[in-house]
Amino acid sequence: MKKPLIASGLLLLTAANTALAHPGHDHSDWSSPLVHTLFYGAIAAVIGTAFFVIRQSRHKRQTTQQKED
């Protein structure tokens, strides 16, 4: 279990190094579209996960309250 976690963590750190260390904010660099896509994709994934968790929590709470009544 720990080996895949470590491997994926190292892969993410490698990608993060490229994303965080690009020179300045040059939009003409070849990696700019990829870096910005990954950045906004990560933000969208976090927001989507938050909505999913909140929705599941509310659904579980409603189900529990209906069973008590």
Protein backbone atom coordinates (compact mmCIF):
# COMPACT_ATOMS: atom_id res chain seq x y z
CA MET A 1 0.00 0.00 0.00
CA LYS A 2 2.78 2.42 0.83
CA LYS A 3 4.82 1.80 -2.34
CA PRO A 4 2.15 3.06 -4.76
CA LEU A 5 1.51 6.02 -2.46
CA ILE A 6 5.19 6.93 -2.38
CA ALA A 7 5.53 6.47 -6.14
CA SER A 8 2.51 8.66 -6.86
CA GLY A 9 3.77 11.25 -4.39
CA LEU A 10 7.13 11.41 -6.11
CA LEU A 11 5.41 11.74 -9.48
CA LEU A 12 3.30 14.62 -8.18
CA LEU A 13 6.35 16.34 -6.72
CA THR A 14 8.10 16.07 -10.06
CA ALA A 15 5.13 17.62 -11.85
CA ALA A 16 4.77 20.29 -9.17
CA ASN A 17 8.41 21.25 -9.55
CA THR A 18 7.82 21.99 -13.23
CA ALA A 19 4.60 23.83 -12.49
CA LEU A 20 5.95 26.01 -9.70
CA ALA A 21 9.38 26.75 -11.11
CA HIS A 22 8.56 27.99 -14.58
CA PRO A 23 10.47 31.20 -15.32
CA GLY A 24 8.37 34.24 -14.53
CA HIS A 25 4.91 34.13 -15.97
CA ASP A 26 5.79 33.82 -19.63
CA HIS A 27 2.71 32.86 -21.63
CA SER A 28 4.80 32.22 -24.73
CA ASP A 29 6.71 29.34 -23.11
CA TRP A 30 5.92 25.88 -24.52
CA SER A 31 4.81 24.56 -21.13
CA SER A 32 2.46 27.43 -20.31
CA PRO A 33 -0.78 25.82 -21.62
CA LEU A 34 -0.03 22.59 -19.77
CA VAL A 35 0.86 24.33 -16.52
CA HIS A 36 -2.26 26.47 -16.57
CA THR A 37 -4.48 23.54 -17.50
CA LEU A 38 -3.11 21.49 -14.62
CA PHE A 39 -3.53 24.42 -12.23
CA TYR A 40 -7.15 25.11 -13.12
CA GLY A 41 -7.90 21.39 -13.34
CA ALA A 42 -6.64 20.93 -9.78
CA ILE A 43 -8.81 23.79 -8.56
CA ALA A 44 -11.85 22.31 -10.32
CA ALA A 45 -11.12 18.88 -8.81
CA VAL A 46 -10.95 20.30 -5.28
CA ILE A 47 -14.19 22.22 -5.73
CA GLY A 48 -15.91 19.17 -7.23
CA THR A 49 -14.71 16.96 -4.39
CA ALA A 50 -15.93 19.48 -1.81
CA PHE A 51 -19.39 19.59 -3.40
CA PHE A 52 -19.52 15.80 -3.54
CA VAL A 53 -18.55 15.40 0.12
CA ILE A 54 -21.02 18.06 1.25
CA ARG A 55 -23.80 16.45 -0.82
CA GLN A 56 -23.06 13.00 0.58
CA SER A 57 -22.98 14.37 4.12
CA ARG A 58 -26.33 16.11 3.72
CA HIS A 59 -27.89 13.03 2.14
CA LYS A 60 -26.63 10.83 4.97
CA ARG A 61 -27.93 13.28 7.57
CA GLN A 62 -31.38 13.41 5.92
CA THR A 63 -31.52 9.62 5.70
CA THR A 64 -30.61 9.30 9.37
CA GLN A 65 -33.25 11.84 10.40
CA GLN A 66 -35.94 10.07 8.35
CA LYS A 67 -35.12 6.75 10.00
CA GLU A 68 -35.43 8.34 13.47
CA ASP A 69 -38.89 9.76 12.71
